[in-house]
Amino acid sequence: MKKILLYSTLALSVGLCSCSQEDLGENPAQAVGQPVTVSVQLPSEVGGDGLSRDVPEIPADHQLRCILYVSGGDAEPIRQEVVADEASDVITFSFTPPADTYTCSFWADYVKTDANSDGTYDDLYYNTTNLPNVTFADNADLFNNEACDAFTGHFAQDEITSGTPVTLSRPLAKVNFISEEAVGADATVDVTYTVSNGMNISTGAINTAEPQKSLTYNGAVANAADKVLFFNYLFADGENTKLPASISYTLGETSGTIPTNEIPLAANTPYNLSFSTASGEVVTSPAVGDYFFTDGTWSSSLDGNTEKTVAGVVFAVKGDGTSSAIESDETTNYSNAGEATDVLAWVIAAKDASTGANVKFYAGDASMSLPENMGEGKDDIKGYSNTALWVKASETDYEAASTAKAYNVEITGDTKTSGWYLPSIGQMLALGKVYAEKGENDTTTSLAVKKSFEALTAGGGDSAAAMASGNYWTSTGGTQEPEQAGAYRISFANTNYGNALRTGDDAKAGSNVRPILTIFK
C-alpha cells in the first residue's frame, strides 16, 4: 500500500476555505437563487505550514471521496459526493443554494474503488450518514492504516471569493507508538484503548456528546524495522482531545502499560510516542515549531512554561515524514555526538548571535580559501563540521563561524546536543520551507517556525526573536570564477527572499548570524 505522509507542526492553522460563484458581479453573495460553483482540493502543502510540497497519494485499492454539505435556515441540506482520479485533482461541485444564507462544509476520505454508489458512496473508515457529524465507522480497520487519513473544511457564505478553490485541512492527529527496544519481525501486539469519536464538520468541534470509541487490535506490529508497534489517525482539536492516562498492551507474551498521561492531541500533527517496553517511560518527540528550552526540554506551547527560557525553535525532526534535509544527517557528522544513536532534530536559536548586520564572513587580509573537506553546494547539511573547519583555519579571520560558535545560551539537563554552530545553506533552506512562503508582490506568509517566533514577540515580548530583514551567513563554502572562494548567505525578508554565494569583497560585507544546534537521540 502506498504511504501517505502526515506532516506536522504546532499551532497549524485550518486551511483557508473559499469558493467561487460565477458571473454574479462584484458581490456574488448578494445574488440569491443563482447556481454556485465550488472547487475543492487537498492542500498542496500538506499541513498548511510548508512542511511538505507533496499532495498525499491515494492508497492502493482506494479512491478519494469528497462530500459537499450545504445548509441554511430551515431548508433541507444539500449533500453531493464526487470521487477524484488523483489526490491532486481540483474537484468541482455545482448547486443552487437552499436558502438566502447558507454555509458549505466538506469532508474528504478514502473509500474502496468498488464502493457502491447511488449518489452516496459506501462509507469505509468513517460514518457520514449523519452529517454534519462524522464518526469512526463500526468494524473499520483503524489500526496501522494510512487510508484512515481524512480532510475537512468549512466556510460561511460571506467568505466566497471568485475563482479560488477550497483548501481542506486534516482534522486528525497521527499517533505512532514506538518501542525503544528492538522488535522481532514476527512480533504481535494486542491493545485496546478509548479515543474521542467524531466531529462536526460545520463547526470543526469534536463531538464531546458522542460516546468514546474503543479501539481494539490484535495482530502484527506496524513496522518491526522502525520499532513501531501500532499507529492510529485520531480526531483532534488540541483542547478537548487527549490520550487516556495509560494504555495497556501485550507484546508477544509480555504485558505492559504505556503511561500516556492524557497527552493532548492537536489536529494535523504527528506524535511519535517512544516508550520503553521494559520501564514504560514515554518520551514524546519534538515537532516542527516546538519551543526548545534551555533546560533541554521542548513543548508545543509557551503556556505552562513561563518559568523556562526559550533557547530556540525546532525546524526539522528526523523521521517525522516531512522529507526534510535532516533525513540525511547522521551522528558521524558531529565530533561530539558521543554515544548518541541518531540525530533527532535541528533547532534555530531564538536570537541572533550578532548585534546587527555587522559580521563579516571573512575579515582576513589575504585571499580567502576553502579548507579541505569543506561542505559546498546547496545540498550541504554539514553546518557543524563546516563551522569547526572555518574556526580551525582562523578564529579571527572567519568572523561568522566564530560568532555562531561563541553564542552563549547554555543548554542544561540530560538532553544531548551538538552545541551552537553556523548552519549550512542546506539547513537554512530547510528552515525556509517551514519559516515563511514567498508570495506575490514581495510578500511572505508566516509558516510554523515564524509563527512561533511571532508568538514570542507578541504582546511586547522579546523582539529579538524575529529574524532580521537582512541577510544571514551560512557555513557552506563555494568558489566562483576566477577561483574566488566565498560562502553562501540567505534572506527571509519580504523584498529579498533568496540566497547567493558571496565571494571576494562581498564575503567581507556585514550580515547577520543566527546559530543552530542539533539534538541527538
Protein backbone atom coordinates (compact mmCIF):
# COMPACT_ATOMS: atom_id res chain seq x y z
CA MET A 1 0.00 0.00 0.00
CA LYS A 2 1.35 3.40 -0.87
CA LYS A 3 2.30 5.58 2.05
CA ILE A 4 0.53 8.83 2.90
CA LEU A 5 2.66 11.15 4.95
CA LEU A 6 1.31 13.17 7.85
CA TYR A 7 3.07 16.44 8.35
CA SER A 8 3.10 18.44 11.30
CA THR A 9 3.88 21.45 13.23
CA LEU A 10 2.48 23.06 16.19
CA ALA A 11 -0.46 25.50 16.00
CA LEU A 12 -1.23 24.59 12.42
CA SER A 13 -3.87 26.84 11.03
CA VAL A 14 -7.05 25.47 9.48
CA GLY A 15 -6.81 25.69 5.71
CA LEU A 16 -8.32 28.81 4.28
CA CYS A 17 -11.59 27.99 2.57
CA SER A 18 -13.27 29.79 -0.26
CA CYS A 19 -15.37 29.08 -3.31
CA SER A 20 -16.32 30.80 -6.50
CA GLN A 21 -19.69 31.97 -7.70
CA GLU A 22 -19.62 32.54 -11.40
CA ASP A 23 -20.87 35.53 -13.36
CA LEU A 24 -22.65 37.17 -10.45
CA GLY A 25 -20.91 40.53 -10.40
CA GLU A 26 -18.69 42.07 -7.76
CA ASN A 27 -20.76 40.92 -4.78
CA PRO A 28 -21.85 37.36 -5.53
CA ALA A 29 -23.14 36.75 -2.01
CA GLN A 30 -26.00 39.15 -2.75
CA ALA A 31 -27.24 37.15 -5.75
CA VAL A 32 -29.95 34.80 -4.46
CA GLY A 33 -31.15 31.64 -6.22
CA GLN A 34 -28.28 31.56 -8.71
CA PRO A 35 -26.13 28.45 -9.32
CA VAL A 36 -22.91 28.32 -7.32
CA THR A 37 -19.75 26.51 -8.38
CA VAL A 38 -17.39 25.35 -5.64
CA SER A 39 -13.93 23.91 -6.22
CA VAL A 40 -12.09 21.88 -3.60
CA GLN A 41 -8.59 20.43 -3.30
CA LEU A 42 -6.28 18.81 -0.79
CA PRO A 43 -3.54 21.13 0.45
CA SER A 44 -0.58 21.41 -1.93
CA GLU A 45 1.45 21.91 1.22
CA VAL A 46 0.25 19.17 3.49
CA GLY A 47 -0.07 20.65 6.94
CA GLY A 48 -0.65 24.17 5.68
CA ASP A 49 2.66 25.37 7.08
CA GLY A 50 5.02 24.45 4.30
CA LEU A 51 6.29 21.21 5.81
CA SER A 52 5.90 19.35 2.56
CA ARG A 53 5.25 20.24 -1.03
CA ASP A 54 3.64 16.88 -1.76
CA VAL A 55 -0.06 16.08 -2.07
CA PRO A 56 -0.86 12.71 -0.44
CA GLU A 57 -1.15 9.75 -2.77
CA ILE A 58 -4.36 7.76 -2.93
CA PRO A 59 -3.74 4.35 -1.28
CA ALA A 60 -3.95 1.25 -3.44
CA ASP A 61 -7.47 -0.17 -3.87
CA HIS A 62 -8.99 3.12 -2.67
CA GLN A 63 -10.41 6.26 -4.20
CA LEU A 64 -10.64 9.75 -2.75
CA ARG A 65 -14.23 10.73 -1.99
CA CYS A 66 -15.19 14.34 -1.34
CA ILE A 67 -18.55 15.30 0.21
CA LEU A 68 -20.12 18.76 -0.02
CA TYR A 69 -22.68 19.59 2.67
CA VAL A 70 -24.66 22.84 2.21
CA SER A 71 -27.02 24.03 4.93
CA GLY A 72 -29.07 27.15 5.50
CA GLY A 73 -32.14 28.11 7.53
CA ASP A 74 -34.93 25.54 7.67
CA ALA A 75 -34.25 24.26 4.16
CA GLU A 76 -33.27 20.65 3.55
CA PRO A 77 -29.43 20.45 3.45
CA ILE A 78 -27.76 19.58 0.16
CA ARG A 79 -25.31 16.67 0.02
CA GLN A 80 -23.19 15.91 -3.03
CA GLU A 81 -20.34 13.42 -3.47
CA VAL A 82 -17.55 13.26 -6.05
CA VAL A 83 -14.54 10.95 -6.35
CA ALA A 84 -11.16 12.07 -7.67
CA ASP A 85 -8.88 10.26 -10.10
CA GLU A 86 -5.81 11.77 -8.42
CA ALA A 87 -5.27 13.32 -4.99
CA SER A 88 -4.01 16.48 -6.72
CA ASP A 89 -7.27 16.93 -8.66
CA VAL A 90 -9.40 20.03 -8.18
CA ILE A 91 -12.93 18.72 -7.55
CA THR A 92 -15.89 20.86 -8.61
CA PHE A 93 -19.45 20.95 -7.25
CA SER A 94 -22.40 22.97 -8.58
CA PHE A 95 -25.59 23.64 -6.65
CA THR A 96 -28.37 26.14 -6.12
CA PRO A 97 -28.27 27.43 -2.52
CA PRO A 98 -31.13 26.10 -0.36
CA ALA A 99 -31.62 29.45 1.40
CA ASP A 100 -30.68 33.10 1.19
CA THR A 101 -27.98 32.49 3.79
CA TYR A 102 -26.05 29.23 3.81
CA THR A 103 -22.77 27.59 4.75
CA CYS A 104 -20.64 25.00 2.94
CA SER A 105 -18.79 22.17 4.68
CA PHE A 106 -16.59 19.45 3.20
CA TRP A 107 -15.38 16.00 4.20
CA ALA A 108 -12.85 14.05 2.12
CA ASP A 109 -11.82 10.48 2.92
CA TYR A 110 -10.90 7.22 1.23
CA VAL A 111 -13.38 4.56 0.15
CA LYS A 112 -12.90 1.34 -1.77
CA THR A 113 -12.55 1.54 -5.53
CA ASP A 114 -15.51 -0.82 -5.88
CA ALA A 115 -17.71 1.02 -3.35
CA ASN A 116 -21.38 1.05 -4.27
CA SER A 117 -22.85 4.45 -5.07
CA ASP A 118 -26.41 5.63 -5.55
CA GLY A 119 -25.34 9.24 -5.20
CA THR A 120 -23.53 8.45 -1.94
CA TYR A 121 -20.59 6.06 -1.74
CA ASP A 122 -20.40 3.29 0.85
CA ASP A 123 -18.64 4.53 3.98
CA LEU A 124 -15.47 2.67 4.90
CA TYR A 125 -13.49 4.15 7.80
CA TYR A 126 -15.83 7.00 8.78
CA ASN A 127 -19.60 7.14 9.23
CA THR A 128 -21.00 10.11 7.29
CA THR A 129 -24.70 9.19 7.42
CA ASN A 130 -25.50 11.89 9.99
CA LEU A 131 -23.80 14.96 8.53
CA PRO A 132 -22.59 17.36 9.66
CA ASN A 133 -21.46 14.82 12.29
CA VAL A 134 -18.75 12.36 11.29
CA THR A 135 -17.66 9.43 13.47
CA PHE A 136 -15.48 6.36 13.15
CA ALA A 137 -17.27 3.61 11.26
CA ASP A 138 -18.16 0.40 13.07
CA ASN A 139 -15.87 -2.57 12.47
CA ALA A 140 -13.47 -0.42 10.47
CA ASP A 141 -9.79 -1.26 10.02
CA LEU A 142 -8.48 1.71 12.05
CA PHE A 143 -5.04 0.41 13.09
CA ASN A 144 -1.85 0.77 11.05
CA ASN A 145 -3.81 2.03 8.08
CA GLU A 146 -2.71 5.08 6.08
CA ALA A 147 -6.07 5.06 4.30
CA CYS A 148 -7.66 6.38 7.53
CA ASP A 149 -6.33 9.83 6.66
CA ALA A 150 -9.06 12.43 6.02
CA PHE A 151 -9.58 16.15 5.33
CA THR A 152 -12.24 18.74 6.08
CA GLY A 153 -13.11 22.41 5.63
CA HIS A 154 -15.95 24.85 6.30
CA PHE A 155 -16.81 28.39 5.21
CA ALA A 156 -19.67 30.84 5.52
CA GLN A 157 -21.47 32.47 2.59
CA ASP A 158 -19.74 35.80 3.10
CA GLU A 159 -16.32 34.12 2.67
CA ILE A 160 -16.98 33.46 -1.02
CA THR A 161 -14.25 34.77 -3.32
CA SER A 162 -14.18 34.32 -7.05
CA GLY A 163 -12.10 31.57 -8.59
CA THR A 164 -10.26 30.25 -5.52
CA PRO A 165 -10.60 26.53 -4.70
CA VAL A 166 -11.44 25.43 -1.19
CA THR A 167 -8.30 24.12 0.51
CA LEU A 168 -9.02 21.43 3.05
CA SER A 169 -7.08 20.64 6.21
CA ARG A 170 -6.56 17.48 8.22
CA PRO A 171 -8.71 17.23 11.41
CA LEU A 172 -6.71 14.25 12.66
CA ALA A 173 -3.54 13.59 14.60
CA LYS A 174 -1.39 10.62 13.65
CA VAL A 175 -0.09 8.85 16.76
CA ASN A 176 2.77 6.34 16.43
CA PHE A 177 3.56 4.12 19.42
CA ILE A 178 7.24 3.23 19.16
CA SER A 179 9.28 0.81 21.23
CA GLU A 180 12.74 1.89 22.36
CA GLU A 181 13.82 -1.74 22.25
CA ALA A 182 14.21 -3.87 19.13
CA VAL A 183 11.08 -5.63 17.89
CA GLY A 184 11.06 -9.06 16.28
CA ALA A 185 9.96 -9.25 12.66
CA ASP A 186 7.15 -11.66 13.56
CA ALA A 187 6.11 -9.87 16.78
CA THR A 188 2.44 -9.34 17.54
CA VAL A 189 0.72 -6.74 19.69
CA ASP A 190 -2.64 -6.76 21.48
CA VAL A 191 -4.02 -3.38 22.56
CA THR A 192 -7.30 -1.66 23.45
CA TYR A 193 -7.85 2.00 24.30
CA THR A 194 -10.56 4.65 24.01
CA VAL A 195 -10.48 7.86 21.96
CA SER A 196 -12.75 10.76 21.02
CA ASN A 197 -15.25 9.63 18.43
CA GLY A 198 -16.20 12.15 15.81
CA MET A 199 -16.53 15.80 14.94
CA ASN A 200 -18.96 18.31 13.50
CA ILE A 201 -17.60 19.37 10.11
CA SER A 202 -19.67 22.56 10.14
CA THR A 203 -18.09 23.84 13.34
CA GLY A 204 -14.83 21.92 13.49
CA ALA A 205 -15.66 20.91 17.06
CA ILE A 206 -15.04 17.45 18.42
CA ASN A 207 -18.36 15.84 19.31
CA THR A 208 -17.96 15.63 23.07
CA ALA A 209 -21.54 14.33 23.35
CA GLU A 210 -20.60 11.22 21.39
CA PRO A 211 -19.58 8.18 23.48
CA GLN A 212 -15.88 7.45 23.17
CA LYS A 213 -14.72 4.91 20.64
CA SER A 214 -12.99 1.77 21.87
CA LEU A 215 -10.15 0.84 19.52
CA THR A 216 -9.01 -2.78 19.65
CA TYR A 217 -6.24 -4.52 17.75
CA ASN A 218 -4.56 -7.92 17.90
CA GLY A 219 -2.10 -8.62 15.12
CA ALA A 220 1.32 -7.97 13.67
CA VAL A 221 3.24 -4.87 14.75
CA ALA A 222 3.01 -1.98 12.28
CA ASN A 223 6.71 -1.76 11.37
CA ALA A 224 9.19 -4.00 13.17
CA ALA A 225 12.23 -2.44 11.48
CA ASP A 226 11.31 1.03 12.77
CA LYS A 227 10.03 -0.42 16.09
CA VAL A 228 6.52 1.00 15.50
CA LEU A 229 4.13 -1.24 17.41
CA PHE A 230 0.94 0.40 16.14
CA PHE A 231 -0.44 3.73 14.95
CA ASN A 232 -3.81 5.44 14.54
CA TYR A 233 -5.34 8.53 12.99
CA LEU A 234 -7.40 10.20 15.75
CA PHE A 235 -9.83 13.13 15.85
CA ALA A 236 -8.02 16.07 17.44
CA ASP A 237 -8.54 19.72 18.28
CA GLY A 238 -5.68 20.48 20.67
CA GLU A 239 -8.02 21.20 23.58
CA ASN A 240 -10.64 18.54 24.27
CA THR A 241 -8.90 15.57 22.67
CA LYS A 242 -6.45 13.65 24.83
CA LEU A 243 -5.00 10.20 25.00
CA PRO A 244 -6.01 8.13 28.05
CA ALA A 245 -3.94 8.30 31.23
CA SER A 246 -2.42 4.95 30.22
CA ILE A 247 -2.77 2.25 27.60
CA SER A 248 -2.39 -1.45 28.36
CA TYR A 249 -0.84 -3.70 25.75
CA THR A 250 0.65 -7.14 25.23
CA LEU A 251 3.73 -7.53 23.03
CA GLY A 252 4.18 -11.19 22.28
CA GLU A 253 3.93 -12.86 25.69
CA THR A 254 4.86 -9.72 27.66
CA SER A 255 2.24 -7.35 29.04
CA GLY A 256 2.87 -3.71 29.87
CA THR A 257 1.38 -0.24 30.26
CA ILE A 258 2.13 2.90 28.25
CA PRO A 259 1.80 5.95 30.57
CA THR A 260 0.34 8.34 28.01
CA ASN A 261 -0.64 10.80 30.77
CA GLU A 262 -3.60 12.32 28.89
CA ILE A 263 -1.34 13.88 26.26
CA PRO A 264 -3.44 16.47 24.34
CA LEU A 265 -3.69 15.87 20.60
CA ALA A 266 -3.68 18.64 18.03
CA ALA A 267 -5.04 18.29 14.50
CA ASN A 268 -2.68 17.79 11.59
CA THR A 269 0.15 16.77 13.92
CA PRO A 270 2.24 13.59 14.12
CA TYR A 271 3.08 12.20 17.55
CA ASN A 272 5.95 9.75 17.84
CA LEU A 273 5.47 8.35 21.34
CA SER A 274 8.61 6.42 22.14
CA PHE A 275 8.47 4.26 25.25
CA SER A 276 10.48 1.51 26.86
CA THR A 277 8.75 -1.85 26.93
CA ALA A 278 10.94 -2.50 29.96
CA SER A 279 10.45 0.68 32.03
CA GLY A 280 7.31 2.05 30.36
CA GLU A 281 8.63 5.62 30.29
CA VAL A 282 7.17 7.66 27.39
CA VAL A 283 9.25 10.22 25.51
CA THR A 284 7.40 12.49 23.09
CA SER A 285 9.45 13.52 20.07
CA PRO A 286 9.58 17.23 19.23
CA ALA A 287 7.62 18.64 16.31
CA VAL A 288 8.45 21.44 13.90
CA GLY A 289 7.51 24.73 15.54
CA ASP A 290 8.04 23.46 19.09
CA TYR A 291 9.89 25.66 21.56
CA PHE A 292 13.22 24.29 22.79
CA PHE A 293 14.10 25.48 26.30
CA THR A 294 17.46 25.99 27.96
CA ASP A 295 16.74 23.06 30.31
CA GLY A 296 16.80 20.73 27.30
CA THR A 297 13.04 20.16 27.16
CA TRP A 298 10.60 21.10 24.42
CA SER A 299 6.94 22.00 24.17
CA SER A 300 4.39 22.98 21.58
CA SER A 301 3.20 25.85 23.77
CA LEU A 302 4.55 28.61 25.96
CA ASP A 303 1.61 28.08 28.31
CA GLY A 304 2.72 26.31 31.45
CA ASN A 305 6.36 27.06 30.66
CA THR A 306 6.54 30.68 31.80
CA GLU A 307 9.40 29.91 34.19
CA LYS A 308 11.51 28.48 31.40
CA THR A 309 13.78 30.30 28.95
CA VAL A 310 13.31 29.69 25.23
CA ALA A 311 16.59 28.77 23.58
CA GLY A 312 15.18 28.28 20.10
CA VAL A 313 12.53 26.72 17.87
CA VAL A 314 12.60 23.26 16.29
CA PHE A 315 12.66 23.49 12.48
CA ALA A 316 13.40 19.91 11.43
CA VAL A 317 12.73 16.50 13.01
CA LYS A 318 14.26 13.33 11.63
CA GLY A 319 11.71 10.65 10.85
CA ASP A 320 8.59 12.83 11.07
CA GLY A 321 7.66 12.10 7.46
CA THR A 322 8.28 15.58 6.06
CA SER A 323 11.13 14.70 3.65
CA SER A 324 13.28 17.38 5.28
CA ALA A 325 17.01 17.60 4.59
CA ILE A 326 17.61 16.35 8.14
CA GLU A 327 16.82 12.82 6.93
CA SER A 328 20.36 12.53 5.56
CA ASP A 329 22.04 13.84 8.73
CA GLU A 330 23.99 11.34 10.82
CA THR A 331 25.90 11.37 14.10
CA THR A 332 29.10 10.85 12.12
CA ASN A 333 28.79 14.49 11.03
CA TYR A 334 29.44 15.54 14.65
CA SER A 335 32.68 15.09 16.56
CA ASN A 336 30.87 15.42 19.91
CA ALA A 337 27.95 13.01 19.30
CA GLY A 338 29.50 10.50 21.72
CA GLU A 339 27.19 7.55 22.32
CA ALA A 340 24.17 9.18 20.66
CA THR A 341 22.35 6.73 18.42
CA ASP A 342 20.99 9.17 15.85
CA VAL A 343 20.14 12.77 15.01
CA LEU A 344 16.74 13.83 16.38
CA ALA A 345 16.14 17.49 15.46
CA TRP A 346 17.57 20.83 14.35
CA VAL A 347 16.87 23.97 16.40
CA ILE A 348 17.20 27.59 15.25
CA ALA A 349 18.27 29.97 18.03
CA ALA A 350 15.70 32.38 19.44
CA LYS A 351 18.07 35.31 18.91
CA ASP A 352 20.85 36.38 16.57
CA ALA A 353 24.40 35.83 17.77
CA SER A 354 25.29 39.09 16.05
CA THR A 355 24.15 42.52 17.22
CA GLY A 356 23.17 43.51 13.69
CA ALA A 357 24.21 43.09 10.07
CA ASN A 358 27.80 43.79 11.04
CA VAL A 359 29.54 40.42 10.90
CA LYS A 360 31.89 39.70 8.03
CA PHE A 361 32.20 36.15 6.88
CA TYR A 362 35.90 36.71 6.21
CA ALA A 363 37.93 39.51 7.77
CA GLY A 364 41.43 38.43 6.76
CA ASP A 365 43.90 40.36 4.61
CA ALA A 366 44.95 37.50 2.33
CA SER A 367 42.65 35.92 -0.24
CA MET A 368 40.04 33.64 1.24
CA SER A 369 40.44 29.91 0.62
CA LEU A 370 38.28 26.88 1.33
CA PRO A 371 39.54 24.43 3.98
CA GLU A 372 39.84 20.80 2.91
CA ASN A 373 36.62 18.77 3.30
CA MET A 374 34.51 21.92 3.43
CA GLY A 375 30.87 21.46 2.50
CA GLU A 376 29.88 23.03 -0.82
CA GLY A 377 26.64 23.44 -2.77
CA LYS A 378 23.03 23.92 -1.74
CA ASP A 379 22.58 20.32 -0.59
CA ASP A 380 25.23 20.73 2.09
CA ILE A 381 23.89 19.99 5.60
CA LYS A 382 27.19 19.72 7.48
CA GLY A 383 26.97 23.03 9.29
CA TYR A 384 28.60 21.68 12.45
CA SER A 385 31.72 20.33 10.73
CA ASN A 386 31.91 23.35 8.41
CA THR A 387 31.93 25.67 11.42
CA ALA A 388 34.74 23.67 13.04
CA LEU A 389 36.81 23.82 9.84
CA TRP A 390 36.44 27.60 9.49
CA VAL A 391 37.31 28.24 13.13
CA LYS A 392 40.28 25.89 12.92
CA ALA A 393 41.52 27.76 9.83
CA SER A 394 41.37 31.08 11.69
CA GLU A 395 39.17 32.01 14.62
CA THR A 396 39.75 35.72 13.98
CA ASP A 397 39.55 35.79 10.18
CA TYR A 398 36.31 33.80 9.88
CA GLU A 399 34.04 36.02 11.96
CA ALA A 400 30.68 34.46 11.11
CA ALA A 401 31.70 30.95 12.16
CA SER A 402 33.38 32.18 15.33
CA THR A 403 30.38 34.35 16.25
CA ALA A 404 27.97 31.43 15.91
CA LYS A 405 30.20 29.06 17.86
CA ALA A 406 30.57 31.59 20.69
CA TYR A 407 26.80 32.06 21.13
CA ASN A 408 26.41 31.97 24.90
CA VAL A 409 22.99 30.38 25.50
CA GLU A 410 23.74 27.26 27.54
CA ILE A 411 21.64 24.11 27.33
CA THR A 412 21.40 22.17 30.60
CA GLY A 413 19.62 18.95 31.57
CA ASP A 414 20.04 15.47 30.15
CA THR A 415 19.28 16.27 26.51
CA LYS A 416 22.35 15.72 24.35
CA THR A 417 23.06 18.47 21.81
CA SER A 418 25.84 19.49 19.46
CA GLY A 419 26.18 22.99 20.85
CA TRP A 420 25.63 26.05 18.68
CA TYR A 421 27.13 26.36 15.21
CA LEU A 422 26.76 28.28 11.94
CA PRO A 423 24.16 26.48 9.80
CA SER A 424 24.90 25.26 6.30
CA ILE A 425 22.95 26.53 3.30
CA GLY A 426 21.10 23.20 3.13
CA GLN A 427 19.99 23.58 6.73
CA MET A 428 18.89 27.18 6.19
CA LEU A 429 16.95 26.16 3.08
CA ALA A 430 15.21 23.52 5.22
CA LEU A 431 14.38 26.31 7.67
CA GLY A 432 12.99 28.42 4.84
CA LYS A 433 10.44 25.74 3.96
CA VAL A 434 8.87 25.99 7.42
CA TYR A 435 9.60 29.67 8.16
CA ALA A 436 7.75 31.64 5.51
CA GLU A 437 6.47 31.21 1.98
CA LYS A 438 7.24 33.77 -0.69
CA GLY A 439 4.07 35.12 -2.27
CA GLU A 440 3.12 37.76 -4.78
CA ASN A 441 4.12 41.43 -4.56
CA ASP A 442 7.17 40.65 -2.42
CA THR A 443 5.12 39.37 0.50
CA THR A 444 5.59 36.27 2.63
CA THR A 445 3.16 34.11 4.57
CA SER A 446 4.21 33.01 8.05
CA LEU A 447 4.69 29.26 8.45
CA ALA A 448 5.26 27.14 11.57
CA VAL A 449 8.62 28.46 12.78
CA LYS A 450 7.91 32.12 12.06
CA LYS A 451 4.57 31.79 13.86
CA SER A 452 6.43 30.51 16.93
CA PHE A 453 8.81 33.48 16.76
CA GLU A 454 5.84 35.82 16.34
CA ALA A 455 4.28 34.37 19.49
CA LEU A 456 7.50 35.18 21.35
CA THR A 457 7.40 38.81 20.22
CA ALA A 458 3.63 39.27 20.66
CA GLY A 459 2.35 41.47 23.45
CA GLY A 460 5.62 43.29 23.96
CA GLY A 461 7.70 40.12 24.22
CA ASP A 462 11.25 39.60 23.07
CA SER A 463 11.56 41.46 19.77
CA ALA A 464 15.00 39.92 19.22
CA ALA A 465 13.34 36.62 18.33
CA ALA A 466 12.20 37.91 14.94
CA MET A 467 14.58 37.17 12.07
CA ALA A 468 16.20 40.33 10.73
CA SER A 469 15.19 41.80 7.38
CA GLY A 470 18.75 41.47 6.05
CA ASN A 471 20.97 38.55 5.08
CA TYR A 472 22.28 35.68 7.19
CA TRP A 473 25.60 33.95 6.72
CA THR A 474 25.79 30.18 6.33
CA SER A 475 28.83 27.95 6.80
CA THR A 476 28.72 26.45 3.30
CA GLY A 477 31.60 27.43 1.07
CA GLY A 478 31.95 27.73 -2.68
CA THR A 479 34.03 29.20 -5.47
CA GLN A 480 33.30 31.42 -8.45
CA GLU A 481 35.40 32.46 -11.40
CA PRO A 482 38.16 33.46 -11.29
CA GLU A 483 38.60 30.91 -8.47
CA GLN A 484 37.38 33.23 -5.76
CA ALA A 485 36.32 31.46 -2.56
CA GLY A 486 33.32 32.53 -0.54
CA ALA A 487 30.28 31.44 1.43
CA TYR A 488 26.52 31.39 0.94
CA ARG A 489 24.16 33.75 2.68
CA ILE A 490 20.37 33.74 2.76
CA SER A 491 17.49 36.11 3.46
CA PHE A 492 13.90 35.51 4.56
CA ALA A 493 12.87 39.15 4.14
CA ASN A 494 9.81 40.00 2.03
CA THR A 495 11.70 42.05 -0.55
CA ASN A 496 14.89 39.98 -0.59
CA TYR A 497 13.81 36.36 -0.20
CA GLY A 498 16.58 34.15 -1.57
CA ASN A 499 20.21 33.08 -1.30
CA ALA A 500 23.50 33.55 -3.13
CA LEU A 501 27.19 32.70 -2.94
CA ARG A 502 29.24 35.74 -1.89
CA THR A 503 32.94 35.79 -2.80
CA GLY A 504 35.84 38.24 -2.73
CA ASP A 505 34.98 41.59 -1.16
CA ASP A 506 31.33 40.51 -0.88
CA ALA A 507 32.41 37.93 1.71
CA LYS A 508 33.61 40.87 3.82
CA ALA A 509 30.23 42.59 3.78
CA GLY A 510 28.36 42.81 7.04
CA SER A 511 25.48 40.34 7.56
CA ASN A 512 23.61 38.68 10.42
CA VAL A 513 24.42 35.44 12.22
CA ARG A 514 21.73 33.13 13.65
CA PRO A 515 23.20 29.86 15.04
CA ILE A 516 21.52 26.47 15.20
CA LEU A 517 22.10 23.30 17.19
CA THR A 518 21.36 19.61 16.73
CA ILE A 519 19.52 17.45 19.26
CA PHE A 520 20.67 13.83 19.45
CA LYS A 521 18.80 10.70 20.43
